[in-house]
N, C-alpha and C. Protein backbone atom coordinates (compact mmCIF):
# COMPACT_ATOMS: atom_id res chain seq x y z
N MET A 1 -39.51 -1.83 -4.41
CA MET A 1 -39.12 -2.22 -5.71
C MET A 1 -38.66 -3.63 -5.70
N THR A 2 -39.14 -4.46 -6.64
CA THR A 2 -38.72 -5.85 -6.70
C THR A 2 -37.57 -6.02 -7.62
N HIS A 3 -36.56 -6.70 -7.15
CA HIS A 3 -35.38 -6.86 -7.99
C HIS A 3 -35.40 -8.27 -8.55
N GLN A 4 -34.71 -8.36 -9.74
CA GLN A 4 -34.43 -9.70 -10.35
C GLN A 4 -33.62 -10.52 -9.35
N PRO A 5 -34.02 -11.76 -9.09
CA PRO A 5 -33.24 -12.57 -8.09
C PRO A 5 -31.89 -12.90 -8.69
N ILE A 6 -30.92 -12.97 -7.75
CA ILE A 6 -29.56 -13.40 -8.16
C ILE A 6 -29.46 -14.89 -7.87
N PRO A 7 -29.14 -15.68 -8.80
CA PRO A 7 -29.13 -17.20 -8.51
C PRO A 7 -27.92 -17.56 -7.73
N LYS A 8 -27.97 -18.77 -7.17
CA LYS A 8 -26.80 -19.32 -6.54
C LYS A 8 -25.87 -19.91 -7.63
N PHE A 9 -24.59 -19.71 -7.38
CA PHE A 9 -23.61 -20.15 -8.41
C PHE A 9 -22.70 -21.34 -7.86
N ALA A 10 -22.39 -22.18 -8.80
CA ALA A 10 -21.55 -23.29 -8.37
C ALA A 10 -20.06 -22.97 -8.39
N THR A 11 -19.74 -21.98 -9.34
CA THR A 11 -18.34 -21.63 -9.47
C THR A 11 -18.23 -20.10 -9.68
N GLU A 12 -16.97 -19.62 -9.49
CA GLU A 12 -16.78 -18.17 -9.76
C GLU A 12 -16.98 -17.91 -11.25
N GLU A 13 -16.59 -18.76 -12.11
CA GLU A 13 -16.73 -18.62 -13.53
C GLU A 13 -18.23 -18.46 -13.92
N GLU A 14 -18.98 -19.33 -13.34
CA GLU A 14 -20.44 -19.26 -13.60
C GLU A 14 -21.07 -17.89 -13.12
N GLU A 15 -20.58 -17.45 -11.98
CA GLU A 15 -21.02 -16.17 -11.46
C GLU A 15 -20.57 -14.99 -12.37
N ALA A 16 -19.31 -15.05 -12.70
CA ALA A 16 -18.78 -13.97 -13.60
C ALA A 16 -19.57 -13.90 -14.92
N SER A 17 -19.81 -15.10 -15.48
CA SER A 17 -20.60 -15.09 -16.76
C SER A 17 -22.06 -14.57 -16.59
N TRP A 18 -22.66 -14.89 -15.46
CA TRP A 18 -24.00 -14.34 -15.19
C TRP A 18 -24.00 -12.88 -15.06
N TRP A 19 -23.06 -12.31 -14.29
CA TRP A 19 -22.98 -10.83 -14.09
C TRP A 19 -22.64 -10.15 -15.39
N ASP A 20 -21.75 -10.75 -16.26
CA ASP A 20 -21.51 -10.20 -17.57
C ASP A 20 -22.70 -10.14 -18.42
N ALA A 21 -23.53 -11.13 -18.34
CA ALA A 21 -24.77 -11.22 -19.09
C ALA A 21 -25.93 -10.36 -18.60
N HIS A 22 -25.83 -9.87 -17.25
CA HIS A 22 -26.91 -9.15 -16.67
C HIS A 22 -26.40 -7.82 -15.94
N PRO A 23 -25.75 -6.97 -16.76
CA PRO A 23 -25.25 -5.73 -16.13
C PRO A 23 -26.43 -4.84 -15.58
N GLU A 24 -27.56 -5.03 -16.15
CA GLU A 24 -28.75 -4.21 -15.74
C GLU A 24 -29.09 -4.42 -14.30
N VAL A 25 -28.85 -5.69 -13.82
CA VAL A 25 -29.19 -5.99 -12.41
C VAL A 25 -28.36 -5.14 -11.45
N LEU A 26 -27.03 -5.06 -11.74
CA LEU A 26 -26.18 -4.32 -10.87
C LEU A 26 -26.54 -2.80 -10.97
N ALA A 27 -26.82 -2.34 -12.17
CA ALA A 27 -27.17 -0.95 -12.35
C ALA A 27 -28.43 -0.60 -11.62
N GLU A 28 -29.43 -1.44 -11.70
CA GLU A 28 -30.72 -1.30 -10.98
C GLU A 28 -30.51 -1.26 -9.50
N ARG A 29 -29.75 -2.19 -8.97
CA ARG A 29 -29.56 -2.23 -7.49
C ARG A 29 -28.77 -1.05 -6.98
N PHE A 30 -27.72 -0.61 -7.87
CA PHE A 30 -26.98 0.58 -7.48
C PHE A 30 -27.87 1.80 -7.47
N GLN A 31 -28.80 1.93 -8.45
CA GLN A 31 -29.63 3.10 -8.49
C GLN A 31 -30.59 3.06 -7.28
N THR A 32 -31.09 1.94 -6.90
CA THR A 32 -32.01 1.83 -5.82
C THR A 32 -31.30 2.27 -4.55
N ALA A 33 -30.04 1.70 -4.35
CA ALA A 33 -29.27 2.00 -3.14
C ALA A 33 -29.01 3.51 -3.09
N SER A 34 -28.68 4.07 -4.26
CA SER A 34 -28.36 5.56 -4.28
C SER A 34 -29.68 6.36 -3.89
N GLN A 35 -30.80 5.94 -4.40
CA GLN A 35 -32.02 6.73 -4.10
C GLN A 35 -32.38 6.60 -2.61
N GLN A 36 -32.04 5.46 -1.98
CA GLN A 36 -32.30 5.19 -0.58
C GLN A 36 -31.24 5.71 0.35
N GLY A 37 -30.27 6.35 -0.22
CA GLY A 37 -29.10 6.95 0.58
C GLY A 37 -28.27 5.83 1.24
N LYS A 38 -28.19 4.62 0.62
CA LYS A 38 -27.46 3.54 1.24
C LYS A 38 -26.06 3.36 0.70
N LEU A 39 -25.59 4.19 -0.29
CA LEU A 39 -24.26 4.08 -0.74
C LEU A 39 -23.26 4.65 0.18
N ARG A 40 -22.25 3.97 0.49
CA ARG A 40 -21.18 4.37 1.41
C ARG A 40 -19.85 4.00 0.88
N ARG A 41 -18.78 4.75 1.21
CA ARG A 41 -17.43 4.27 0.97
C ARG A 41 -17.13 3.13 1.91
N LEU A 42 -16.36 2.21 1.48
CA LEU A 42 -16.07 1.06 2.33
C LEU A 42 -15.44 1.53 3.67
N SER A 43 -14.70 2.55 3.71
CA SER A 43 -14.19 3.05 4.99
C SER A 43 -15.27 3.59 5.91
N GLN A 44 -16.42 3.91 5.38
CA GLN A 44 -17.58 4.39 6.18
C GLN A 44 -18.49 3.29 6.72
N THR A 45 -18.26 2.10 6.27
CA THR A 45 -19.19 1.01 6.60
C THR A 45 -18.88 0.41 7.97
N GLY A 46 -17.63 0.46 8.35
CA GLY A 46 -17.28 -0.14 9.65
C GLY A 46 -17.12 -1.72 9.46
N LEU A 47 -17.13 -2.20 8.27
CA LEU A 47 -17.00 -3.58 7.93
C LEU A 47 -15.54 -3.99 8.24
N PRO A 48 -15.38 -5.30 8.57
CA PRO A 48 -13.96 -5.75 8.62
C PRO A 48 -13.27 -5.58 7.26
N GLY A 49 -12.02 -5.15 7.31
CA GLY A 49 -11.31 -4.88 5.99
C GLY A 49 -11.53 -3.46 5.55
N ALA A 50 -12.36 -2.68 6.18
CA ALA A 50 -12.53 -1.37 5.74
C ALA A 50 -11.26 -0.58 6.26
N SER A 51 -10.89 0.42 5.47
CA SER A 51 -9.70 1.17 5.77
C SER A 51 -10.05 2.48 6.47
N GLU A 52 -9.08 2.93 7.32
CA GLU A 52 -9.28 4.25 7.92
C GLU A 52 -8.26 5.20 7.10
N THR A 53 -8.63 6.42 7.06
CA THR A 53 -7.80 7.36 6.36
C THR A 53 -6.78 7.90 7.51
N VAL A 54 -5.53 7.81 7.10
CA VAL A 54 -4.43 8.28 7.92
C VAL A 54 -3.56 9.23 7.17
N THR A 55 -3.19 10.31 7.87
CA THR A 55 -2.30 11.25 7.23
C THR A 55 -0.84 11.10 7.82
N ILE A 56 0.11 10.92 6.94
CA ILE A 56 1.51 10.90 7.41
C ILE A 56 2.33 11.75 6.50
N ARG A 57 3.43 12.25 7.02
CA ARG A 57 4.35 13.09 6.24
C ARG A 57 5.44 12.12 5.65
N ILE A 58 5.68 12.28 4.34
CA ILE A 58 6.69 11.49 3.68
C ILE A 58 7.55 12.42 2.86
N ALA A 59 8.87 12.23 3.06
CA ALA A 59 9.79 13.09 2.22
C ALA A 59 9.59 12.91 0.72
N PRO A 60 9.55 14.01 0.00
CA PRO A 60 9.22 13.96 -1.42
C PRO A 60 10.07 12.97 -2.16
N GLU A 61 11.32 12.81 -1.89
CA GLU A 61 12.18 11.82 -2.56
C GLU A 61 11.75 10.35 -2.27
N GLU A 62 11.23 10.12 -1.05
CA GLU A 62 10.72 8.74 -0.62
C GLU A 62 9.43 8.50 -1.44
N LEU A 63 8.53 9.56 -1.51
CA LEU A 63 7.31 9.40 -2.25
C LEU A 63 7.59 9.20 -3.75
N THR A 64 8.58 9.79 -4.31
CA THR A 64 8.86 9.60 -5.69
C THR A 64 9.38 8.18 -5.91
N ARG A 65 10.27 7.64 -4.99
CA ARG A 65 10.66 6.30 -5.10
C ARG A 65 9.51 5.31 -5.02
N ALA A 66 8.62 5.53 -4.05
CA ALA A 66 7.42 4.68 -3.88
C ALA A 66 6.62 4.70 -5.18
N ARG A 67 6.39 5.76 -5.76
CA ARG A 67 5.56 5.90 -7.02
C ARG A 67 6.23 5.14 -8.11
N LYS A 68 7.59 5.27 -8.30
CA LYS A 68 8.26 4.59 -9.31
C LYS A 68 8.13 3.07 -9.06
N LEU A 69 8.49 2.59 -7.90
CA LEU A 69 8.41 1.14 -7.61
C LEU A 69 7.00 0.55 -7.74
N ALA A 70 6.07 1.31 -7.35
CA ALA A 70 4.63 0.85 -7.45
C ALA A 70 4.26 0.75 -8.97
N ALA A 71 4.66 1.71 -9.76
CA ALA A 71 4.42 1.66 -11.22
C ALA A 71 5.13 0.42 -11.79
N LYS A 72 6.25 0.05 -11.42
CA LYS A 72 6.99 -1.08 -11.98
C LYS A 72 6.20 -2.41 -11.56
N ARG A 73 5.46 -2.36 -10.52
CA ARG A 73 4.60 -3.55 -10.13
C ARG A 73 3.17 -3.47 -10.64
N GLY A 74 2.91 -2.28 -11.28
CA GLY A 74 1.50 -2.17 -11.81
C GLY A 74 0.54 -1.80 -10.75
N LEU A 75 1.03 -1.17 -9.65
CA LEU A 75 0.14 -0.81 -8.52
C LEU A 75 0.07 0.68 -8.35
N ARG A 76 -1.02 1.22 -7.67
CA ARG A 76 -1.06 2.56 -7.26
C ARG A 76 -0.19 2.66 -6.07
N TYR A 77 0.46 3.83 -5.93
CA TYR A 77 1.45 3.96 -4.90
C TYR A 77 0.88 3.87 -3.44
N GLN A 78 -0.36 4.19 -3.29
CA GLN A 78 -0.97 4.06 -1.93
C GLN A 78 -1.10 2.56 -1.64
N THR A 79 -1.57 1.75 -2.63
CA THR A 79 -1.63 0.34 -2.43
C THR A 79 -0.27 -0.26 -2.11
N TYR A 80 0.74 0.15 -2.89
CA TYR A 80 2.11 -0.26 -2.65
C TYR A 80 2.56 0.05 -1.24
N LEU A 81 2.31 1.27 -0.75
CA LEU A 81 2.77 1.66 0.56
C LEU A 81 2.01 0.85 1.71
N LYS A 82 0.77 0.57 1.37
CA LYS A 82 0.01 -0.23 2.39
C LYS A 82 0.59 -1.69 2.39
N MET A 83 0.91 -2.21 1.20
CA MET A 83 1.58 -3.57 1.17
C MET A 83 2.85 -3.56 1.92
N LEU A 84 3.67 -2.53 1.73
CA LEU A 84 5.01 -2.48 2.43
C LEU A 84 4.74 -2.42 3.94
N LEU A 85 3.78 -1.58 4.40
CA LEU A 85 3.57 -1.51 5.82
C LEU A 85 3.09 -2.83 6.38
N HIS A 86 2.19 -3.48 5.71
CA HIS A 86 1.70 -4.84 6.10
C HIS A 86 2.87 -5.79 6.32
N GLU A 87 3.72 -5.84 5.24
CA GLU A 87 4.82 -6.79 5.27
C GLU A 87 5.81 -6.42 6.42
N ALA A 88 6.08 -5.10 6.66
CA ALA A 88 6.96 -4.76 7.74
C ALA A 88 6.38 -5.04 9.10
N LEU A 89 5.07 -4.89 9.28
CA LEU A 89 4.41 -5.14 10.52
C LEU A 89 4.49 -6.63 10.80
N ASP A 90 4.21 -7.44 9.85
CA ASP A 90 4.31 -8.90 9.96
C ASP A 90 5.68 -9.34 10.38
N ALA A 91 6.68 -8.81 9.65
CA ALA A 91 8.03 -9.22 9.94
C ALA A 91 8.45 -8.85 11.39
N ASP A 92 8.04 -7.58 11.76
CA ASP A 92 8.49 -7.18 13.17
C ASP A 92 7.70 -7.89 14.20
N GLU A 93 6.42 -8.28 13.95
CA GLU A 93 5.74 -9.07 14.94
C GLU A 93 6.29 -10.39 15.04
N LYS A 94 6.77 -11.04 14.01
CA LYS A 94 7.38 -12.39 14.00
C LYS A 94 8.64 -12.33 14.75
N ARG A 95 9.42 -11.31 14.55
CA ARG A 95 10.74 -11.04 15.18
C ARG A 95 10.61 -10.88 16.64
N LEU A 96 9.57 -10.13 17.12
CA LEU A 96 9.32 -9.91 18.51
C LEU A 96 8.79 -11.10 19.28
N VAL A 97 8.12 -11.96 18.53
CA VAL A 97 7.60 -13.24 19.10
C VAL A 97 8.72 -14.20 19.39
N SER A 98 9.63 -14.30 18.45
CA SER A 98 10.75 -15.25 18.53
C SER A 98 11.66 -15.03 19.69
């Protein structure tokens, strides 16, 4: 199947405008990938930045606190917890290097 070519863009604004004007291109490519069995969750791709699923036990009151604080920031609680973990790891790493 031949797809409509995607042009090179000079700016993100130009690219966003093009995609807004051509939603059929994305839909067509998505359908083709689906038919070819090429759709994967990011965590299944093995790409840098892909996440692994981890199970941890969290006290209900801590989870409630995380959900409330995440909501105040406009985040999903999982995203908020990952952000906290990342910040804590960075801080601990800096402290250990010093």
